[in-house]
All heavy atoms as atom14 arrays in JSON, in Angstrom:
{
  "sequence": "KGGSITLNSQGKAGLLLSSAGLVLTVLIYICVLLFVIFYYGGIDGF",
  "atom14_mask": [
    [1, 1, 1, 1, 1, 1, 1, 1, 1, 0, 0, 0, 0, 0],
    [1, 1, 1, 1, 0, 0, 0, 0, 0, 0, 0, 0, 0, 0],
    [1, 1, 1, 1, 0, 0, 0, 0, 0, 0, 0, 0, 0, 0],
    [1, 1, 1, 1, 1, 1, 0, 0, 0, 0, 0, 0, 0, 0],
    [1, 1, 1, 1, 1, 1, 1, 1, 0, 0, 0, 0, 0, 0],
    [1, 1, 1, 1, 1, 1, 1, 0, 0, 0, 0, 0, 0, 0],
    [1, 1, 1, 1, 1, 1, 1, 1, 0, 0, 0, 0, 0, 0],
    [1, 1, 1, 1, 1, 1, 1, 1, 0, 0, 0, 0, 0, 0],
    [1, 1, 1, 1, 1, 1, 0, 0, 0, 0, 0, 0, 0, 0],
    [1, 1, 1, 1, 1, 1, 1, 1, 1, 0, 0, 0, 0, 0],
    [1, 1, 1, 1, 0, 0, 0, 0, 0, 0, 0, 0, 0, 0],
    [1, 1, 1, 1, 1, 1, 1, 1, 1, 0, 0, 0, 0, 0],
    [1, 1, 1, 1, 1, 0, 0, 0, 0, 0, 0, 0, 0, 0],
    [1, 1, 1, 1, 0, 0, 0, 0, 0, 0, 0, 0, 0, 0],
    [1, 1, 1, 1, 1, 1, 1, 1, 0, 0, 0, 0, 0, 0],
    [1, 1, 1, 1, 1, 1, 1, 1, 0, 0, 0, 0, 0, 0],
    [1, 1, 1, 1, 1, 1, 1, 1, 0, 0, 0, 0, 0, 0],
    [1, 1, 1, 1, 1, 1, 0, 0, 0, 0, 0, 0, 0, 0],
    [1, 1, 1, 1, 1, 1, 0, 0, 0, 0, 0, 0, 0, 0],
    [1, 1, 1, 1, 1, 0, 0, 0, 0, 0, 0, 0, 0, 0],
    [1, 1, 1, 1, 0, 0, 0, 0, 0, 0, 0, 0, 0, 0],
    [1, 1, 1, 1, 1, 1, 1, 1, 0, 0, 0, 0, 0, 0],
    [1, 1, 1, 1, 1, 1, 1, 0, 0, 0, 0, 0, 0, 0],
    [1, 1, 1, 1, 1, 1, 1, 1, 0, 0, 0, 0, 0, 0],
    [1, 1, 1, 1, 1, 1, 1, 0, 0, 0, 0, 0, 0, 0],
    [1, 1, 1, 1, 1, 1, 1, 0, 0, 0, 0, 0, 0, 0],
    [1, 1, 1, 1, 1, 1, 1, 1, 0, 0, 0, 0, 0, 0],
    [1, 1, 1, 1, 1, 1, 1, 1, 0, 0, 0, 0, 0, 0],
    [1, 1, 1, 1, 1, 1, 1, 1, 1, 1, 1, 1, 0, 0],
    [1, 1, 1, 1, 1, 1, 1, 1, 0, 0, 0, 0, 0, 0],
    [1, 1, 1, 1, 1, 1, 0, 0, 0, 0, 0, 0, 0, 0],
    [1, 1, 1, 1, 1, 1, 1, 0, 0, 0, 0, 0, 0, 0],
    [1, 1, 1, 1, 1, 1, 1, 1, 0, 0, 0, 0, 0, 0],
    [1, 1, 1, 1, 1, 1, 1, 1, 0, 0, 0, 0, 0, 0],
    [1, 1, 1, 1, 1, 1, 1, 1, 1, 1, 1, 0, 0, 0],
    [1, 1, 1, 1, 1, 1, 1, 0, 0, 0, 0, 0, 0, 0],
    [1, 1, 1, 1, 1, 1, 1, 1, 0, 0, 0, 0, 0, 0],
    [1, 1, 1, 1, 1, 1, 1, 1, 1, 1, 1, 0, 0, 0],
    [1, 1, 1, 1, 1, 1, 1, 1, 1, 1, 1, 1, 0, 0],
    [1, 1, 1, 1, 1, 1, 1, 1, 1, 1, 1, 1, 0, 0],
    [1, 1, 1, 1, 0, 0, 0, 0, 0, 0, 0, 0, 0, 0],
    [1, 1, 1, 1, 0, 0, 0, 0, 0, 0, 0, 0, 0, 0],
    [1, 1, 1, 1, 1, 1, 1, 1, 0, 0, 0, 0, 0, 0],
    [1, 1, 1, 1, 1, 1, 1, 1, 0, 0, 0, 0, 0, 0],
    [1, 1, 1, 1, 0, 0, 0, 0, 0, 0, 0, 0, 0, 0],
    [1, 1, 1, 1, 1, 1, 1, 1, 1, 1, 1, 0, 0, 0]
  ],
  "atom14_positions": [
    [[-11.13, 6.55, 8.75], [-11.61, 7.62, 7.87], [-12.79, 7.19, 7.02], [-13.48, 8.03, 6.45], [-10.49, 8.17, 7.01], [-9.98, 7.25, 5.95], [-8.87, 7.93, 5.18], [-8.41, 7.07, 4.04], [-7.42, 7.75, 3.24], [0.0, 0.0, 0.0], [0.0, 0.0, 0.0], [0.0, 0.0, 0.0], [0.0, 0.0, 0.0], [0.0, 0.0, 0.0]],
    [[-13.07, 5.92, 6.95], [-14.22, 5.43, 6.18], [-14.05, 5.72, 4.71], [-13.01, 5.44, 4.13], [0.0, 0.0, 0.0], [0.0, 0.0, 0.0], [0.0, 0.0, 0.0], [0.0, 0.0, 0.0], [0.0, 0.0, 0.0], [0.0, 0.0, 0.0], [0.0, 0.0, 0.0], [0.0, 0.0, 0.0], [0.0, 0.0, 0.0], [0.0, 0.0, 0.0]],
    [[-15.06, 6.3, 4.1], [-15.0, 6.59, 2.68], [-14.49, 7.98, 2.37], [-14.34, 8.34, 1.21], [0.0, 0.0, 0.0], [0.0, 0.0, 0.0], [0.0, 0.0, 0.0], [0.0, 0.0, 0.0], [0.0, 0.0, 0.0], [0.0, 0.0, 0.0], [0.0, 0.0, 0.0], [0.0, 0.0, 0.0], [0.0, 0.0, 0.0], [0.0, 0.0, 0.0]],
    [[-14.22, 8.79, 3.4], [-13.77, 10.15, 3.14], [-12.28, 10.18, 2.83], [-11.56, 9.2, 3.02], [-14.08, 11.04, 4.33], [-13.36, 10.6, 5.46], [0.0, 0.0, 0.0], [0.0, 0.0, 0.0], [0.0, 0.0, 0.0], [0.0, 0.0, 0.0], [0.0, 0.0, 0.0], [0.0, 0.0, 0.0], [0.0, 0.0, 0.0], [0.0, 0.0, 0.0]],
    [[-11.84, 11.31, 2.36], [-10.45, 11.45, 1.93], [-9.54, 11.78, 3.1], [-8.41, 11.32, 3.15], [-10.35, 12.53, 0.83], [-11.12, 12.07, -0.4], [-8.9, 12.81, 0.48], [-11.21, 13.1, -1.49], [0.0, 0.0, 0.0], [0.0, 0.0, 0.0], [0.0, 0.0, 0.0], [0.0, 0.0, 0.0], [0.0, 0.0, 0.0], [0.0, 0.0, 0.0]],
    [[-10.02, 12.57, 4.05], [-9.18, 13.03, 5.14], [-9.52, 12.32, 6.45], [-10.6, 11.77, 6.61], [-9.34, 14.54, 5.35], [-10.71, 14.8, 5.66], [-8.93, 15.31, 4.11], [0.0, 0.0, 0.0], [0.0, 0.0, 0.0], [0.0, 0.0, 0.0], [0.0, 0.0, 0.0], [0.0, 0.0, 0.0], [0.0, 0.0, 0.0], [0.0, 0.0, 0.0]],
    [[-8.58, 12.38, 7.37], [-8.78, 11.82, 8.71], [-9.31, 12.9, 9.64], [-9.01, 14.09, 9.46], [-7.46, 11.31, 9.27], [-6.88, 10.05, 8.65], [-5.45, 9.86, 9.12], [-7.7, 8.85, 9.02], [0.0, 0.0, 0.0], [0.0, 0.0, 0.0], [0.0, 0.0, 0.0], [0.0, 0.0, 0.0], [0.0, 0.0, 0.0], [0.0, 0.0, 0.0]],
    [[-10.06, 12.5, 10.66], [-10.46, 13.46, 11.68], [-9.29, 13.67, 12.63], [-8.24, 13.05, 12.5], [-11.73, 13.01, 12.4], [-11.57, 11.69, 13.1], [-10.51, 11.08, 13.06], [-12.61, 11.24, 13.74], [0.0, 0.0, 0.0], [0.0, 0.0, 0.0], [0.0, 0.0, 0.0], [0.0, 0.0, 0.0], [0.0, 0.0, 0.0], [0.0, 0.0, 0.0]],
    [[-9.46, 14.53, 13.62], [-8.34, 14.88, 14.5], [-7.87, 13.68, 15.33], [-6.67, 13.5, 15.54], [-8.72, 16.03, 15.41], [-9.83, 15.69, 16.21], [0.0, 0.0, 0.0], [0.0, 0.0, 0.0], [0.0, 0.0, 0.0], [0.0, 0.0, 0.0], [0.0, 0.0, 0.0], [0.0, 0.0, 0.0], [0.0, 0.0, 0.0], [0.0, 0.0, 0.0]],
    [[-8.8, 12.85, 15.79], [-8.39, 11.66, 16.55], [-7.67, 10.65, 15.65], [-6.73, 10.0, 16.09], [-9.6, 11.01, 17.2], [-10.05, 11.7, 18.45], [-11.14, 10.92, 19.14], [-11.85, 10.14, 18.52], [-11.28, 11.14, 20.44], [0.0, 0.0, 0.0], [0.0, 0.0, 0.0], [0.0, 0.0, 0.0], [0.0, 0.0, 0.0], [0.0, 0.0, 0.0]],
    [[-8.12, 10.52, 14.44], [-7.45, 9.63, 13.51], [-6.03, 10.09, 13.2], [-5.1, 9.29, 13.12], [0.0, 0.0, 0.0], [0.0, 0.0, 0.0], [0.0, 0.0, 0.0], [0.0, 0.0, 0.0], [0.0, 0.0, 0.0], [0.0, 0.0, 0.0], [0.0, 0.0, 0.0], [0.0, 0.0, 0.0], [0.0, 0.0, 0.0], [0.0, 0.0, 0.0]],
    [[-5.87, 11.4, 13.04], [-4.53, 11.95, 12.8], [-3.62, 11.74, 14.01], [-2.46, 11.38, 13.87], [-4.61, 13.44, 12.49], [-5.17, 13.74, 11.12], [-5.27, 15.24, 10.91], [-5.97, 15.56, 9.6], [-6.14, 17.01, 9.43], [0.0, 0.0, 0.0], [0.0, 0.0, 0.0], [0.0, 0.0, 0.0], [0.0, 0.0, 0.0], [0.0, 0.0, 0.0]],
    [[-4.18, 11.96, 15.2], [-3.39, 11.76, 16.42], [-3.0, 10.29, 16.58], [-1.87, 9.98, 16.95], [-4.17, 12.24, 17.63], [0.0, 0.0, 0.0], [0.0, 0.0, 0.0], [0.0, 0.0, 0.0], [0.0, 0.0, 0.0], [0.0, 0.0, 0.0], [0.0, 0.0, 0.0], [0.0, 0.0, 0.0], [0.0, 0.0, 0.0], [0.0, 0.0, 0.0]],
    [[-3.95, 9.39, 16.31], [-3.64, 7.96, 16.4], [-2.59, 7.54, 15.4], [-1.69, 6.76, 15.71], [0.0, 0.0, 0.0], [0.0, 0.0, 0.0], [0.0, 0.0, 0.0], [0.0, 0.0, 0.0], [0.0, 0.0, 0.0], [0.0, 0.0, 0.0], [0.0, 0.0, 0.0], [0.0, 0.0, 0.0], [0.0, 0.0, 0.0], [0.0, 0.0, 0.0]],
    [[-2.68, 8.07, 14.18], [-1.68, 7.75, 13.15], [-0.32, 8.29, 13.55], [0.7, 7.6, 13.4], [-2.12, 8.32, 11.81], [-1.26, 7.98, 10.6], [-1.25, 6.48, 10.34], [-1.78, 8.72, 9.37], [0.0, 0.0, 0.0], [0.0, 0.0, 0.0], [0.0, 0.0, 0.0], [0.0, 0.0, 0.0], [0.0, 0.0, 0.0], [0.0, 0.0, 0.0]],
    [[-0.28, 9.49, 14.09], [0.98, 10.09, 14.51], [1.6, 9.33, 15.67], [2.81, 9.01, 15.65], [0.76, 11.56, 14.89], [1.99, 12.31, 15.36], [2.93, 12.54, 14.19], [1.59, 13.61, 15.98], [0.0, 0.0, 0.0], [0.0, 0.0, 0.0], [0.0, 0.0, 0.0], [0.0, 0.0, 0.0], [0.0, 0.0, 0.0], [0.0, 0.0, 0.0]],
    [[0.81, 9.02, 16.69], [1.33, 8.29, 17.86], [1.79, 6.89, 17.48], [2.85, 6.44, 17.93], [0.26, 8.21, 18.94], [-0.04, 9.48, 19.71], [-1.27, 9.29, 20.58], [1.14, 9.9, 20.54], [0.0, 0.0, 0.0], [0.0, 0.0, 0.0], [0.0, 0.0, 0.0], [0.0, 0.0, 0.0], [0.0, 0.0, 0.0], [0.0, 0.0, 0.0]],
    [[1.02, 6.2, 16.66], [1.38, 4.84, 16.26], [2.64, 4.84, 15.4], [3.51, 3.99, 15.57], [0.23, 4.19, 15.5], [-0.9, 4.1, 16.32], [0.0, 0.0, 0.0], [0.0, 0.0, 0.0], [0.0, 0.0, 0.0], [0.0, 0.0, 0.0], [0.0, 0.0, 0.0], [0.0, 0.0, 0.0], [0.0, 0.0, 0.0], [0.0, 0.0, 0.0]],
    [[2.74, 5.8, 14.49], [3.94, 5.88, 13.65], [5.17, 6.23, 14.48], [6.25, 5.66, 14.28], [3.74, 6.93, 12.56], [2.67, 6.58, 11.74], [0.0, 0.0, 0.0], [0.0, 0.0, 0.0], [0.0, 0.0, 0.0], [0.0, 0.0, 0.0], [0.0, 0.0, 0.0], [0.0, 0.0, 0.0], [0.0, 0.0, 0.0], [0.0, 0.0, 0.0]],
    [[5.0, 7.15, 15.43], [6.12, 7.51, 16.3], [6.55, 6.33, 17.16], [7.75, 6.1, 17.36], [5.74, 8.7, 17.17], [0.0, 0.0, 0.0], [0.0, 0.0, 0.0], [0.0, 0.0, 0.0], [0.0, 0.0, 0.0], [0.0, 0.0, 0.0], [0.0, 0.0, 0.0], [0.0, 0.0, 0.0], [0.0, 0.0, 0.0], [0.0, 0.0, 0.0]],
    [[5.58, 5.56, 17.65], [5.91, 4.36, 18.43], [6.66, 3.33, 17.6], [7.62, 2.72, 18.08], [0.0, 0.0, 0.0], [0.0, 0.0, 0.0], [0.0, 0.0, 0.0], [0.0, 0.0, 0.0], [0.0, 0.0, 0.0], [0.0, 0.0, 0.0], [0.0, 0.0, 0.0], [0.0, 0.0, 0.0], [0.0, 0.0, 0.0], [0.0, 0.0, 0.0]],
    [[6.24, 3.15, 16.37], [6.93, 2.2, 15.49], [8.34, 2.66, 15.17], [9.3, 1.87, 15.26], [6.12, 2.03, 14.2], [6.67, 1.04, 13.18], [6.65, -0.37, 13.73], [5.87, 1.12, 11.89], [0.0, 0.0, 0.0], [0.0, 0.0, 0.0], [0.0, 0.0, 0.0], [0.0, 0.0, 0.0], [0.0, 0.0, 0.0], [0.0, 0.0, 0.0]],
    [[8.51, 3.93, 14.84], [9.84, 4.45, 14.52], [10.76, 4.39, 15.74], [11.92, 3.97, 15.62], [9.73, 5.9, 13.98], [11.08, 6.58, 13.92], [9.08, 5.89, 12.6], [0.0, 0.0, 0.0], [0.0, 0.0, 0.0], [0.0, 0.0, 0.0], [0.0, 0.0, 0.0], [0.0, 0.0, 0.0], [0.0, 0.0, 0.0], [0.0, 0.0, 0.0]],
    [[10.25, 4.76, 16.91], [11.06, 4.72, 18.12], [11.48, 3.29, 18.47], [12.63, 3.05, 18.83], [10.29, 5.34, 19.28], [11.05, 5.46, 20.6], [12.25, 6.37, 20.45], [10.12, 5.98, 21.68], [0.0, 0.0, 0.0], [0.0, 0.0, 0.0], [0.0, 0.0, 0.0], [0.0, 0.0, 0.0], [0.0, 0.0, 0.0], [0.0, 0.0, 0.0]],
    [[10.57, 2.35, 18.33], [10.89, 0.95, 18.61], [11.97, 0.43, 17.68], [12.94, -0.21, 18.11], [9.63, 0.07, 18.49], [8.64, 0.56, 19.39], [9.93, -1.37, 18.8], [0.0, 0.0, 0.0], [0.0, 0.0, 0.0], [0.0, 0.0, 0.0], [0.0, 0.0, 0.0], [0.0, 0.0, 0.0], [0.0, 0.0, 0.0], [0.0, 0.0, 0.0]],
    [[11.83, 0.72, 16.39], [12.83, 0.25, 15.42], [14.18, 0.91, 15.69], [15.22, 0.25, 15.64], [12.32, 0.52, 13.98], [13.42, 0.31, 12.98], [11.13, -0.37, 13.67], [0.0, 0.0, 0.0], [0.0, 0.0, 0.0], [0.0, 0.0, 0.0], [0.0, 0.0, 0.0], [0.0, 0.0, 0.0], [0.0, 0.0, 0.0], [0.0, 0.0, 0.0]],
    [[14.19, 2.21, 16.01], [15.45, 2.89, 16.31], [16.13, 2.33, 17.56], [17.36, 2.17, 17.58], [15.21, 4.39, 16.48], [15.0, 5.18, 15.2], [14.7, 6.64, 15.53], [16.22, 5.09, 14.3], [0.0, 0.0, 0.0], [0.0, 0.0, 0.0], [0.0, 0.0, 0.0], [0.0, 0.0, 0.0], [0.0, 0.0, 0.0], [0.0, 0.0, 0.0]],
    [[15.35, 2.04, 18.59], [15.94, 1.47, 19.81], [16.6, 0.14, 19.51], [17.73, -0.12, 19.93], [14.87, 1.33, 20.91], [14.52, 2.7, 21.48], [15.34, 0.39, 22.02], [13.36, 2.68, 22.45], [0.0, 0.0, 0.0], [0.0, 0.0, 0.0], [0.0, 0.0, 0.0], [0.0, 0.0, 0.0], [0.0, 0.0, 0.0], [0.0, 0.0, 0.0]],
    [[15.94, -0.7, 18.75], [16.51, -2.02, 18.49], [17.66, -1.98, 17.49], [18.57, -2.8, 17.58], [15.41, -3.0, 18.08], [14.7, -3.47, 19.31], [13.56, -2.84, 19.76], [15.23, -4.48, 20.08], [12.95, -3.22, 20.92], [14.62, -4.88, 21.24], [13.48, -4.25, 21.66], [12.88, -4.63, 22.83], [0.0, 0.0, 0.0], [0.0, 0.0, 0.0]],
    [[17.68, -1.02, 16.61], [18.85, -0.85, 15.74], [20.04, -0.39, 16.58], [21.16, -0.9, 16.4], [18.54, 0.13, 14.6], [17.62, -0.53, 13.58], [19.82, 0.61, 13.92], [17.14, 0.4, 12.48], [0.0, 0.0, 0.0], [0.0, 0.0, 0.0], [0.0, 0.0, 0.0], [0.0, 0.0, 0.0], [0.0, 0.0, 0.0], [0.0, 0.0, 0.0]],
    [[19.81, 0.53, 17.51], [20.89, 0.99, 18.38], [21.43, -0.14, 19.26], [22.64, -0.27, 19.46], [20.42, 2.15, 19.24], [20.15, 3.67, 18.32], [0.0, 0.0, 0.0], [0.0, 0.0, 0.0], [0.0, 0.0, 0.0], [0.0, 0.0, 0.0], [0.0, 0.0, 0.0], [0.0, 0.0, 0.0], [0.0, 0.0, 0.0], [0.0, 0.0, 0.0]],
    [[20.54, -0.97, 19.79], [20.98, -2.1, 20.61], [21.79, -3.08, 19.78], [22.84, -3.57, 20.22], [19.77, -2.8, 21.27], [20.15, -4.15, 21.86], [19.16, -1.91, 22.33], [0.0, 0.0, 0.0], [0.0, 0.0, 0.0], [0.0, 0.0, 0.0], [0.0, 0.0, 0.0], [0.0, 0.0, 0.0], [0.0, 0.0, 0.0], [0.0, 0.0, 0.0]],
    [[21.35, -3.36, 18.57], [22.08, -4.27, 17.7], [23.45, -3.7, 17.34], [24.45, -4.43, 17.37], [21.27, -4.55, 16.43], [21.89, -5.53, 15.45], [22.0, -6.91, 16.07], [21.08, -5.59, 14.18], [0.0, 0.0, 0.0], [0.0, 0.0, 0.0], [0.0, 0.0, 0.0], [0.0, 0.0, 0.0], [0.0, 0.0, 0.0], [0.0, 0.0, 0.0]],
    [[23.52, -2.42, 17.03], [24.81, -1.8, 16.72], [25.74, -1.8, 17.94], [26.94, -2.02, 17.82], [24.61, -0.38, 16.22], [24.0, -0.25, 14.83], [23.76, 1.21, 14.49], [24.89, -0.9, 13.79], [0.0, 0.0, 0.0], [0.0, 0.0, 0.0], [0.0, 0.0, 0.0], [0.0, 0.0, 0.0], [0.0, 0.0, 0.0], [0.0, 0.0, 0.0]],
    [[25.18, -1.59, 19.14], [25.98, -1.66, 20.35], [26.57, -3.05, 20.54], [27.76, -3.19, 20.86], [25.14, -1.27, 21.56], [25.86, -1.45, 22.86], [26.8, -0.53, 23.27], [25.59, -2.54, 23.68], [27.47, -0.68, 24.46], [26.25, -2.7, 24.87], [27.19, -1.78, 25.27], [0.0, 0.0, 0.0], [0.0, 0.0, 0.0], [0.0, 0.0, 0.0]],
    [[25.75, -4.08, 20.35], [26.24, -5.45, 20.51], [27.32, -5.75, 19.48], [28.33, -6.38, 19.79], [25.07, -6.46, 20.4], [25.56, -7.88, 20.23], [24.19, -6.35, 21.62], [0.0, 0.0, 0.0], [0.0, 0.0, 0.0], [0.0, 0.0, 0.0], [0.0, 0.0, 0.0], [0.0, 0.0, 0.0], [0.0, 0.0, 0.0], [0.0, 0.0, 0.0]],
    [[27.14, -5.28, 18.27], [28.13, -5.54, 17.21], [29.45, -4.83, 17.51], [30.53, -5.43, 17.42], [27.57, -5.13, 15.84], [26.49, -6.11, 15.41], [28.68, -5.08, 14.8], [25.74, -5.68, 14.16], [0.0, 0.0, 0.0], [0.0, 0.0, 0.0], [0.0, 0.0, 0.0], [0.0, 0.0, 0.0], [0.0, 0.0, 0.0], [0.0, 0.0, 0.0]],
    [[29.39, -3.56, 17.9], [30.63, -2.81, 18.1], [31.29, -3.1, 19.44], [32.51, -3.12, 19.53], [30.38, -1.31, 17.96], [30.09, -0.88, 16.56], [28.94, -0.18, 16.26], [30.97, -1.18, 15.53], [28.67, 0.21, 14.97], [30.71, -0.8, 14.24], [29.56, -0.1, 13.96], [0.0, 0.0, 0.0], [0.0, 0.0, 0.0], [0.0, 0.0, 0.0]],
    [[30.54, -3.34, 20.48], [31.12, -3.56, 21.8], [31.59, -5.0, 21.98], [32.66, -5.23, 22.54], [30.12, -3.18, 22.88], [30.7, -3.17, 24.26], [31.51, -2.12, 24.68], [30.44, -4.2, 25.16], [32.05, -2.1, 25.95], [30.97, -4.18, 26.43], [31.78, -3.13, 26.81], [32.32, -3.12, 28.07], [0.0, 0.0, 0.0], [0.0, 0.0, 0.0]],
    [[30.81, -5.96, 21.55], [31.14, -7.37, 21.74], [31.68, -8.04, 20.49], [32.07, -9.19, 20.53], [29.91, -8.16, 22.22], [29.44, -7.75, 23.59], [28.28, -7.01, 23.75], [30.16, -8.12, 24.71], [27.84, -6.65, 25.01], [29.73, -7.76, 25.98], [28.58, -7.02, 26.11], [28.15, -6.65, 27.36], [0.0, 0.0, 0.0], [0.0, 0.0, 0.0]],
    [[31.65, -7.37, 19.37], [32.14, -7.96, 18.13], [31.11, -8.84, 17.44], [31.46, -9.6, 16.55], [0.0, 0.0, 0.0], [0.0, 0.0, 0.0], [0.0, 0.0, 0.0], [0.0, 0.0, 0.0], [0.0, 0.0, 0.0], [0.0, 0.0, 0.0], [0.0, 0.0, 0.0], [0.0, 0.0, 0.0], [0.0, 0.0, 0.0], [0.0, 0.0, 0.0]],
    [[29.88, -8.76, 17.85], [28.82, -9.55, 17.23], [28.06, -10.36, 18.26], [28.33, -10.31, 19.46], [0.0, 0.0, 0.0], [0.0, 0.0, 0.0], [0.0, 0.0, 0.0], [0.0, 0.0, 0.0], [0.0, 0.0, 0.0], [0.0, 0.0, 0.0], [0.0, 0.0, 0.0], [0.0, 0.0, 0.0], [0.0, 0.0, 0.0], [0.0, 0.0, 0.0]],
    [[27.12, -11.13, 17.76], [26.27, -11.94, 18.64], [27.08, -13.03, 19.33], [26.86, -13.32, 20.51], [25.11, -12.56, 17.81], [24.27, -11.47, 17.17], [24.25, -13.46, 18.67], [23.54, -10.58, 18.13], [0.0, 0.0, 0.0], [0.0, 0.0, 0.0], [0.0, 0.0, 0.0], [0.0, 0.0, 0.0], [0.0, 0.0, 0.0], [0.0, 0.0, 0.0]],
    [[28.05, -13.62, 18.63], [28.87, -14.66, 19.25], [29.68, -14.12, 20.42], [29.83, -14.79, 21.45], [29.8, -15.3, 18.21], [29.05, -16.09, 17.18], [27.95, -16.59, 17.5], [29.55, -16.2, 16.03], [0.0, 0.0, 0.0], [0.0, 0.0, 0.0], [0.0, 0.0, 0.0], [0.0, 0.0, 0.0], [0.0, 0.0, 0.0], [0.0, 0.0, 0.0]],
    [[30.23, -12.93, 20.28], [30.96, -12.3, 21.37], [30.06, -12.0, 22.56], [30.47, -12.14, 23.72], [0.0, 0.0, 0.0], [0.0, 0.0, 0.0], [0.0, 0.0, 0.0], [0.0, 0.0, 0.0], [0.0, 0.0, 0.0], [0.0, 0.0, 0.0], [0.0, 0.0, 0.0], [0.0, 0.0, 0.0], [0.0, 0.0, 0.0], [0.0, 0.0, 0.0]],
    [[28.84, -11.61, 22.29], [27.87, -11.37, 23.35], [27.55, -12.66, 24.1], [27.51, -12.69, 25.33], [26.6, -10.75, 22.77], [25.53, -10.52, 23.78], [25.63, -9.49, 24.69], [24.41, -11.33, 23.82], [24.64, -9.26, 25.63], [23.42, -11.12, 24.75], [23.54, -10.08, 25.66], [0.0, 0.0, 0.0], [0.0, 0.0, 0.0], [0.0, 0.0, 0.0]]
  ]
}
């Protein structure tokens, strides 16, 4: 965005896609960690 206050349409799309990718990645790994904890009883059980 440089010195301006708002983002252009490509900047908004990039911010949205990157944020969605980050959130999806974190959610996937939280789900995997919870699965390992509940199914195997933790990392040692795995």
